[in-house]
Every structure is written in C-alpha cells, then in structure tokens.
Amino acid sequence: MDPPVAVERADAAWVPVGFVDAWVLERGVWVARVKDRASRYSWIPGTELRRAGQF
C-alpha cells in the first residue's frame, strides 16, 4: 500500500501496532504485513485490525 496505513490490533483494548504495507489472501483469509516502530514485520489477520483512530 502506498502510503502505508497506521493500524491498531484488537487486544483487551485497541492497541497501535504499526503500519500495513501489504495484504495477502491466504487460505481464504486476508493477512496484513505490519511494520512496527522497530522496523520488524509481522503478519496479522485482517479481522484483528482496524485503521488507527477509526473510533
């Protein structure tokens, strides 16, 4: 995605996790590649994410 989109992840509360820069459809589930502040990447199911500041 250009530009990357800031996202939050569902936990006990919504927590900022970084920026989504790519999506992959894997076994029928959309998974986002998220880059955190330390420049590490992780893959998170889209159902666990929302755009930062959405609510």
PDB file of N, CA and C in Angstrom:
ATOM      1  N   MET A   1       0.838  -1.160   0.000  1.00  0.00           N
ATOM      2  CA  MET A   1       0.000   0.000   0.000  1.00  0.00           C
ATOM      3  C   MET A   1       0.891   1.233   0.000  1.00  0.00           C
ATOM      4  N   ASP A   2       0.491   2.192  -0.722  1.00  0.00           N
ATOM      5  CA  ASP A   2       1.311   3.390  -0.790  1.00  0.00           C
ATOM      6  C   ASP A   2       0.416   4.610  -0.626  1.00  0.00           C
ATOM      7  N   PRO A   3       0.457   5.309   0.451  1.00  0.00           N
ATOM      8  CA  PRO A   3       1.377   5.139   1.587  1.00  0.00           C
ATOM      9  C   PRO A   3       0.866   4.066   2.555  1.00  0.00           C
ATOM     10  N   PRO A   4       1.738   3.524   3.412  1.00  0.00           N
ATOM     11  CA  PRO A   4       1.308   2.564   4.427  1.00  0.00           C
ATOM     12  C   PRO A   4       0.259   3.184   5.341  1.00  0.00           C
ATOM     13  N   VAL A   5      -0.621   2.342   5.872  1.00  0.00           N
ATOM     14  CA  VAL A   5      -1.728   2.790   6.706  1.00  0.00           C
ATOM     15  C   VAL A   5      -1.494   2.391   8.162  1.00  0.00           C
ATOM     16  N   ALA A   6      -1.614   3.349   9.082  1.00  0.00           N
ATOM     17  CA  ALA A   6      -1.463   3.057  10.517  1.00  0.00           C
ATOM     18  C   ALA A   6      -2.653   2.213  10.978  1.00  0.00           C
ATOM     19  N   VAL A   7      -2.374   1.171  11.778  1.00  0.00           N
ATOM     20  CA  VAL A   7      -3.431   0.283  12.255  1.00  0.00           C
ATOM     21  C   VAL A   7      -3.295   0.009  13.746  1.00  0.00           C
ATOM     22  N   GLU A   8      -4.420  -0.456  14.313  1.00  0.00           N
ATOM     23  CA  GLU A   8      -4.475  -0.897  15.701  1.00  0.00           C
ATOM     24  C   GLU A   8      -4.931  -2.350  15.692  1.00  0.00           C
ATOM     25  N   ARG A   9      -4.538  -3.091  16.746  1.00  0.00           N
ATOM     26  CA  ARG A   9      -4.895  -4.502  16.859  1.00  0.00           C
ATOM     27  C   ARG A   9      -5.797  -4.711  18.060  1.00  0.00           C
ATOM     28  N   ALA A  10      -6.768  -5.588  17.904  1.00  0.00           N
ATOM     29  CA  ALA A  10      -7.675  -5.921  18.995  1.00  0.00           C
ATOM     30  C   ALA A  10      -6.928  -6.720  20.053  1.00  0.00           C
ATOM     31  N   ASP A  11      -6.967  -6.230  21.276  1.00  0.00           N
ATOM     32  CA  ASP A  11      -6.396  -6.910  22.437  1.00  0.00           C
ATOM     33  C   ASP A  11      -7.439  -6.699  23.524  1.00  0.00           C
ATOM     34  N   ALA A  12      -7.070  -6.507  24.761  1.00  0.00           N
ATOM     35  CA  ALA A  12      -8.046  -6.133  25.782  1.00  0.00           C
ATOM     36  C   ALA A  12      -8.662  -4.786  25.403  1.00  0.00           C
ATOM     37  N   ALA A  13      -7.864  -3.966  24.709  1.00  0.00           N
ATOM     38  CA  ALA A  13      -8.310  -2.701  24.119  1.00  0.00           C
ATOM     39  C   ALA A  13      -7.625  -2.608  22.762  1.00  0.00           C
ATOM     40  N   TRP A  14      -7.985  -1.622  21.954  1.00  0.00           N
ATOM     41  CA  TRP A  14      -7.309  -1.438  20.668  1.00  0.00           C
ATOM     42  C   TRP A  14      -5.941  -0.816  20.915  1.00  0.00           C
ATOM     43  N   VAL A  15      -4.899  -1.463  20.406  1.00  0.00           N
ATOM     44  CA  VAL A  15      -3.522  -1.063  20.644  1.00  0.00           C
ATOM     45  C   VAL A  15      -2.841  -0.746  19.310  1.00  0.00           C
ATOM     46  N   PRO A  16      -2.163   0.418  19.191  1.00  0.00           N
ATOM     47  CA  PRO A  16      -1.424   0.695  17.953  1.00  0.00           C
ATOM     48  C   PRO A  16      -0.326  -0.351  17.739  1.00  0.00           C
ATOM     49  N   VAL A  17      -0.231  -0.884  16.515  1.00  0.00           N
ATOM     50  CA  VAL A  17       0.783  -1.906  16.239  1.00  0.00           C
ATOM     51  C   VAL A  17       1.746  -1.543  15.125  1.00  0.00           C
ATOM     52  N   GLY A  18       1.423  -0.542  14.322  1.00  0.00           N
ATOM     53  CA  GLY A  18       2.335  -0.166  13.255  1.00  0.00           C
ATOM     54  C   GLY A  18       1.608   0.230  11.997  1.00  0.00           C
ATOM     55  N   PHE A  19       2.236  -0.085  10.846  1.00  0.00           N
ATOM     56  CA  PHE A  19       1.714   0.326   9.550  1.00  0.00           C
ATOM     57  C   PHE A  19       1.577  -0.864   8.618  1.00  0.00           C
ATOM     58  N   VAL A  20       0.416  -1.000   7.980  1.00  0.00           N
ATOM     59  CA  VAL A  20       0.198  -2.041   6.980  1.00  0.00           C
ATOM     60  C   VAL A  20       0.761  -1.548   5.655  1.00  0.00           C
ATOM     61  N   ASP A  21       1.597  -2.383   5.027  1.00  0.00           N
ATOM     62  CA  ASP A  21       2.104  -2.012   3.713  1.00  0.00           C
ATOM     63  C   ASP A  21       1.792  -3.045   2.644  1.00  0.00           C
ATOM     64  N   ALA A  22       1.165  -4.182   3.052  1.00  0.00           N
ATOM     65  CA  ALA A  22       0.807  -5.207   2.069  1.00  0.00           C
ATOM     66  C   ALA A  22      -0.270  -6.123   2.640  1.00  0.00           C
ATOM     67  N   TRP A  23      -1.084  -6.666   1.745  1.00  0.00           N
ATOM     68  CA  TRP A  23      -2.100  -7.658   2.103  1.00  0.00           C
ATOM     69  C   TRP A  23      -1.889  -8.907   1.265  1.00  0.00           C
ATOM     70  N   VAL A  24      -2.166 -10.089   1.871  1.00  0.00           N
ATOM     71  CA  VAL A  24      -2.072 -11.363   1.164  1.00  0.00           C
ATOM     72  C   VAL A  24      -3.320 -12.172   1.505  1.00  0.00           C
ATOM     73  N   LEU A  25      -3.912 -12.797   0.504  1.00  0.00           N
ATOM     74  CA  LEU A  25      -5.044 -13.685   0.725  1.00  0.00           C
ATOM     75  C   LEU A  25      -4.486 -15.092   0.899  1.00  0.00           C
ATOM     76  N   GLU A  26      -4.566 -15.616   2.119  1.00  0.00           N
ATOM     77  CA  GLU A  26      -4.002 -16.930   2.421  1.00  0.00           C
ATOM     78  C   GLU A  26      -5.087 -17.846   2.959  1.00  0.00           C
ATOM     79  N   ARG A  27      -5.387 -18.904   2.207  1.00  0.00           N
ATOM     80  CA  ARG A  27      -6.415 -19.875   2.594  1.00  0.00           C
ATOM     81  C   ARG A  27      -7.755 -19.198   2.895  1.00  0.00           C
ATOM     82  N   GLY A  28      -8.091 -18.211   2.090  1.00  0.00           N
ATOM     83  CA  GLY A  28      -9.373 -17.531   2.232  1.00  0.00           C
ATOM     84  C   GLY A  28      -9.418 -16.452   3.296  1.00  0.00           C
ATOM     85  N   VAL A  29      -8.269 -16.147   3.920  1.00  0.00           N
ATOM     86  CA  VAL A  29      -8.197 -15.128   4.976  1.00  0.00           C
ATOM     87  C   VAL A  29      -7.216 -14.036   4.552  1.00  0.00           C
ATOM     88  N   TRP A  30      -7.657 -12.767   4.638  1.00  0.00           N
ATOM     89  CA  TRP A  30      -6.755 -11.653   4.347  1.00  0.00           C
ATOM     90  C   TRP A  30      -5.812 -11.444   5.523  1.00  0.00           C
ATOM     91  N   VAL A  31      -4.514 -11.402   5.236  1.00  0.00           N
ATOM     92  CA  VAL A  31      -3.476 -11.224   6.248  1.00  0.00           C
ATOM     93  C   VAL A  31      -2.660  -9.999   5.863  1.00  0.00           C
ATOM     94  N   ALA A  32      -2.418  -9.124   6.844  1.00  0.00           N
ATOM     95  CA  ALA A  32      -1.681  -7.884   6.589  1.00  0.00           C
ATOM     96  C   ALA A  32      -0.242  -8.005   7.063  1.00  0.00           C
ATOM     97  N   ARG A  33       0.673  -7.434   6.280  1.00  0.00           N
ATOM     98  CA  ARG A  33       2.063  -7.325   6.721  1.00  0.00           C
ATOM     99  C   ARG A  33       2.171  -5.986   7.439  1.00  0.00           C
ATOM    100  N   VAL A  34       2.531  -6.041   8.734  1.00  0.00           N
ATOM    101  CA  VAL A  34       2.573  -4.850   9.582  1.00  0.00           C
ATOM    102  C   VAL A  34       4.005  -4.588  10.025  1.00  0.00           C
ATOM    103  N   LYS A  35       4.460  -3.354   9.820  1.00  0.00           N
ATOM    104  CA  LYS A  35       5.805  -2.942  10.232  1.00  0.00           C
ATOM    105  C   LYS A  35       5.672  -2.139  11.524  1.00  0.00           C
ATOM    106  N   ASP A  36       6.389  -2.576  12.583  1.00  0.00           N
ATOM    107  CA  ASP A  36       6.310  -1.868  13.863  1.00  0.00           C
ATOM    108  C   ASP A  36       7.364  -0.765  13.946  1.00  0.00           C
ATOM    109  N   ARG A  37       7.420  -0.085  15.092  1.00  0.00           N
ATOM    110  CA  ARG A  37       8.345   1.046  15.269  1.00  0.00           C
ATOM    111  C   ARG A  37       9.812   0.643  15.176  1.00  0.00           C
ATOM    112  N   ALA A  38      10.105  -0.621  15.493  1.00  0.00           N
ATOM    113  CA  ALA A  38      11.483  -1.115  15.428  1.00  0.00           C
ATOM    114  C   ALA A  38      11.816  -1.670  14.034  1.00  0.00           C
ATOM    115  N   SER A  39      10.939  -1.414  13.070  1.00  0.00           N
ATOM    116  CA  SER A  39      11.106  -1.873  11.685  1.00  0.00           C
ATOM    117  C   SER A  39      11.045  -3.385  11.540  1.00  0.00           C
ATOM    118  N   ARG A  40      10.383  -4.064  12.472  1.00  0.00           N
ATOM    119  CA  ARG A  40      10.164  -5.512  12.368  1.00  0.00           C
ATOM    120  C   ARG A  40       8.813  -5.742  11.703  1.00  0.00           C
ATOM    121  N   TYR A  41       8.733  -6.798  10.909  1.00  0.00           N
ATOM    122  CA  TYR A  41       7.490  -7.145  10.228  1.00  0.00           C
ATOM    123  C   TYR A  41       6.812  -8.308  10.915  1.00  0.00           C
ATOM    124  N   SER A  42       5.484  -8.281  10.931  1.00  0.00           N
ATOM    125  CA  SER A  42       4.698  -9.411  11.406  1.00  0.00           C
ATOM    126  C   SER A  42       3.472  -9.528  10.513  1.00  0.00           C
ATOM    127  N   TRP A  43       2.890 -10.703  10.478  1.00  0.00           N
ATOM    128  CA  TRP A  43       1.695 -10.964   9.679  1.00  0.00           C
ATOM    129  C   TRP A  43       0.521 -11.123  10.625  1.00  0.00           C
ATOM    130  N   ILE A  44      -0.528 -10.314  10.415  1.00  0.00           N
ATOM    131  CA  ILE A  44      -1.675 -10.282  11.324  1.00  0.00           C
ATOM    132  C   ILE A  44      -2.952 -10.429  10.497  1.00  0.00           C
ATOM    133  N   PRO A  45      -3.863 -11.340  10.913  1.00  0.00           N
ATOM    134  CA  PRO A  45      -5.134 -11.478  10.193  1.00  0.00           C
ATOM    135  C   PRO A  45      -5.902 -10.147  10.185  1.00  0.00           C
ATOM    136  N   GLY A  46      -6.485  -9.835   9.051  1.00  0.00           N
ATOM    137  CA  GLY A  46      -7.214  -8.592   8.901  1.00  0.00           C
ATOM    138  C   GLY A  46      -8.372  -8.435   9.871  1.00  0.00           C
ATOM    139  N   THR A  47      -8.946  -9.549  10.327  1.00  0.00           N
ATOM    140  CA  THR A  47     -10.063  -9.482  11.272  1.00  0.00           C
ATOM    141  C   THR A  47      -9.636  -8.941  12.632  1.00  0.00           C
ATOM    142  N   GLU A  48      -8.323  -8.907  12.908  1.00  0.00           N
ATOM    143  CA  GLU A  48      -7.813  -8.403  14.186  1.00  0.00           C
ATOM    144  C   GLU A  48      -7.355  -6.955  14.101  1.00  0.00           C
ATOM    145  N   LEU A  49      -7.524  -6.326  12.924  1.00  0.00           N
ATOM    146  CA  LEU A  49      -7.001  -4.970  12.722  1.00  0.00           C
ATOM    147  C   LEU A  49      -8.109  -3.971  12.411  1.00  0.00           C
ATOM    148  N   ARG A  50      -7.811  -2.717  12.697  1.00  0.00           N
ATOM    149  CA  ARG A  50      -8.631  -1.608  12.215  1.00  0.00           C
ATOM    150  C   ARG A  50      -7.704  -0.428  11.971  1.00  0.00           C
ATOM    151  N   ARG A  51      -8.160   0.492  11.140  1.00  0.00           N
ATOM    152  CA  ARG A  51      -7.370   1.694  10.864  1.00  0.00           C
ATOM    153  C   ARG A  51      -7.222   2.480  12.154  1.00  0.00           C
ATOM    154  N   ALA A  52      -6.034   2.974  12.453  1.00  0.00           N
ATOM    155  CA  ALA A  52      -5.768   3.740  13.684  1.00  0.00           C
ATOM    156  C   ALA A  52      -6.636   4.988  13.708  1.00  0.00           C
ATOM    157  N   GLY A  53      -7.176   5.291  14.893  1.00  0.00           N
ATOM    158  CA  GLY A  53      -8.001   6.472  15.054  1.00  0.00           C
ATOM    159  C   GLY A  53      -9.372   6.347  14.431  1.00  0.00           C
ATOM    160  N   GLN A  54      -9.792   5.127  14.156  1.00  0.00           N
ATOM    161  CA  GLN A  54     -11.068   4.913  13.482  1.00  0.00           C
ATOM    162  C   GLN A  54     -12.249   5.311  14.352  1.00  0.00           C
ATOM    163  N   PHE A  55     -12.152   5.112  15.654  1.00  0.00           N
ATOM    164  CA  PHE A  55     -13.276   5.440  16.551  1.00  0.00           C
ATOM    165  C   PHE A  55     -12.869   6.417  17.614  1.00  0.00           C
TER     166      PHE A  55
END
